[in-house]
Each structure stands twice: as structure tokens, then as C-alpha cells.
C-alpha atoms as a PDB file:
ATOM      1  CA  UNK A   1       0.000   0.000   0.000  1.00  0.00           C
ATOM      2  CA  UNK A   2       1.528   3.318  -1.025  1.00  0.00           C
ATOM      3  CA  UNK A   3       1.502   6.510   1.040  1.00  0.00           C
ATOM      4  CA  UNK A   4      -1.384   8.040  -0.937  1.00  0.00           C
ATOM      5  CA  UNK A   5      -3.583   5.024  -0.219  1.00  0.00           C
ATOM      6  CA  UNK A   6      -2.647   5.106   3.456  1.00  0.00           C
ATOM      7  CA  UNK A   7      -3.408   8.809   3.618  1.00  0.00           C
ATOM      8  CA  UNK A   8      -6.807   8.262   1.985  1.00  0.00           C
ATOM      9  CA  UNK A   9      -7.561   5.414   4.381  1.00  0.00           C
ATOM     10  CA  UNK A  10      -6.764   7.654   7.359  1.00  0.00           C
ATOM     11  CA  UNK A  11      -9.095  10.330   5.998  1.00  0.00           C
ATOM     12  CA  UNK A  12     -11.883   7.803   5.486  1.00  0.00           C
ATOM     13  CA  UNK A  13     -11.359   6.516   9.019  1.00  0.00           C
ATOM     14  CA  UNK A  14     -11.725   9.995  10.471  1.00  0.00           C
ATOM     15  CA  UNK A  15     -14.832  10.601   8.367  1.00  0.00           C
ATOM     16  CA  UNK A  16     -16.377   7.363   9.643  1.00  0.00           C
ATOM     17  CA  UNK A  17     -15.542   8.349  13.225  1.00  0.00           C
ATOM     18  CA  UNK A  18     -17.185  11.743  12.696  1.00  0.00           C
ATOM     19  CA  UNK A  19     -20.352  10.100  11.378  1.00  0.00           C
ATOM     20  CA  UNK A  20     -20.298   7.716  14.347  1.00  0.00           C
ATOM     21  CA  UNK A  21     -20.072  10.577  16.866  1.00  0.00           C
ATOM     22  CA  UNK A  22     -22.913  12.377  15.090  1.00  0.00           C
ATOM     23  CA  UNK A  23     -25.143   9.288  15.127  1.00  0.00           C
ATOM     24  CA  UNK A  24     -24.457   8.657  18.808  1.00  0.00           C
ATOM     25  CA  UNK A  25     -25.299  12.285  19.592  1.00  0.00           C
ATOM     26  CA  UNK A  26     -28.590  11.974  17.702  1.00  0.00           C
ATOM     27  CA  UNK A  27     -29.529   8.855  19.663  1.00  0.00           C
ATOM     28  CA  UNK A  28     -28.641  10.547  22.963  1.00  0.00           C
ATOM     29  CA  UNK A  29     -30.511  13.760  22.194  1.00  0.00           C
ATOM     30  CA  UNK A  30     -33.917  12.640  23.538  1.00  0.00           C
ATOM     31  CA  UNK A  31     -32.477  12.033  27.010  1.00  0.00           C
ATOM     32  CA  UNK A  32     -30.108  14.990  27.009  1.00  0.00           C
ATOM     33  CA  UNK A  33     -32.749  17.464  25.849  1.00  0.00           C
ATOM     34  CA  UNK A  34     -34.382  17.299  29.287  1.00  0.00           C
ATOM     35  CA  UNK A  35     -31.527  19.228  30.914  1.00  0.00           C
ATOM     36  CA  UNK A  36     -29.536  22.238  29.712  1.00  0.00           C
ATOM     37  CA  UNK A  37     -26.400  20.849  31.360  1.00  0.00           C
ATOM     38  CA  UNK A  38     -26.769  17.535  29.540  1.00  0.00           C
ATOM     39  CA  UNK A  39     -27.364  19.349  26.251  1.00  0.00           C
ATOM     40  CA  UNK A  40     -24.169  21.347  26.766  1.00  0.00           C
ATOM     41  CA  UNK A  41     -22.220  18.192  27.628  1.00  0.00           C
ATOM     42  CA  UNK A  42     -23.571  16.291  24.633  1.00  0.00           C
ATOM     43  CA  UNK A  43     -22.918  19.077  22.147  1.00  0.00           C
ATOM     44  CA  UNK A  44     -19.547  19.923  23.704  1.00  0.00           C
ATOM     45  CA  UNK A  45     -18.444  16.308  23.722  1.00  0.00           C
ATOM     46  CA  UNK A  46     -19.497  15.690  20.134  1.00  0.00           C
ATOM     47  CA  UNK A  47     -17.920  18.932  18.945  1.00  0.00           C
ATOM     48  CA  UNK A  48     -14.604  18.374  20.715  1.00  0.00           C
ATOM     49  CA  UNK A  49     -14.419  14.824  19.400  1.00  0.00           C
ATOM     50  CA  UNK A  50     -14.993  15.979  15.823  1.00  0.00           C
ATOM     51  CA  UNK A  51     -12.554  18.886  16.201  1.00  0.00           C
ATOM     52  CA  UNK A  52      -9.931  16.496  17.602  1.00  0.00           C
ATOM     53  CA  UNK A  53     -10.345  14.159  14.633  1.00  0.00           C
ATOM     54  CA  UNK A  54     -10.071  17.123  12.263  1.00  0.00           C
ATOM     55  CA  UNK A  55      -6.847  18.254  13.956  1.00  0.00           C
ATOM     56  CA  UNK A  56      -5.312  14.785  13.625  1.00  0.00           C
ATOM     57  CA  UNK A  57      -6.342  14.603   9.965  1.00  0.00           C
ATOM     58  CA  UNK A  58      -4.896  18.080   9.396  1.00  0.00           C
ATOM     59  CA  UNK A  59      -1.531  17.012  10.813  1.00  0.00           C
ATOM     60  CA  UNK A  60      -1.439  14.157   8.295  1.00  0.00           C
ATOM     61  CA  UNK A  61      -2.206  16.637   5.506  1.00  0.00           C
ATOM     62  CA  UNK A  62       0.580  18.963   6.642  1.00  0.00           C
ATOM     63  CA  UNK A  63       3.075  16.093   6.976  1.00  0.00           C
ATOM     64  CA  UNK A  64       2.147  14.794   3.530  1.00  0.00           C
ATOM     65  CA  UNK A  65       2.689  18.204   1.939  1.00  0.00           C
ATOM     66  CA  UNK A  66       6.020  18.658   3.733  1.00  0.00           C
ATOM     67  CA  UNK A  67       7.235  15.279   2.449  1.00  0.00           C
ATOM     68  CA  UNK A  68       6.210  16.208  -1.093  1.00  0.00           C
ATOM     69  CA  UNK A  69       8.534  19.235  -1.053  1.00  0.00           C
END
């Protein structure tokens, strides 16, 4: 497997993880919507998870571009 394929696979993995977090948040919404604190925790947790995955993906993008130079 070449580096481009590995890079694509990493990106797909992060996309799948993002979809997973979103689906879990949707399922949890009915319980969390009963309390403002739980809503904040649910939205904050989902958002930070997605942002963290984006940051990891971005580091791979930056490393890939640096290696191409």
C-alpha cells in the first residue's frame, strides 16, 4: 500500500468516526434534551471529538505536503 492510499484510508477513518459521533449524539438527544447541562455536555463532547479528529487529519495533511517538497 503506497503513502497516498494510506493517507486516503486515514481520511476515510476519520470521516467514519465523525459520522459515528454524530449518530451517537442523535440517539442521545432525547435524554439529554431534558436538561440544559446535559445538552451542553452532549454538544460539547461531540464537537470536541470531531474537532480532535479534524486536527489529527490536518496534521497528516501537513506532513504529507512537507514530504512532497
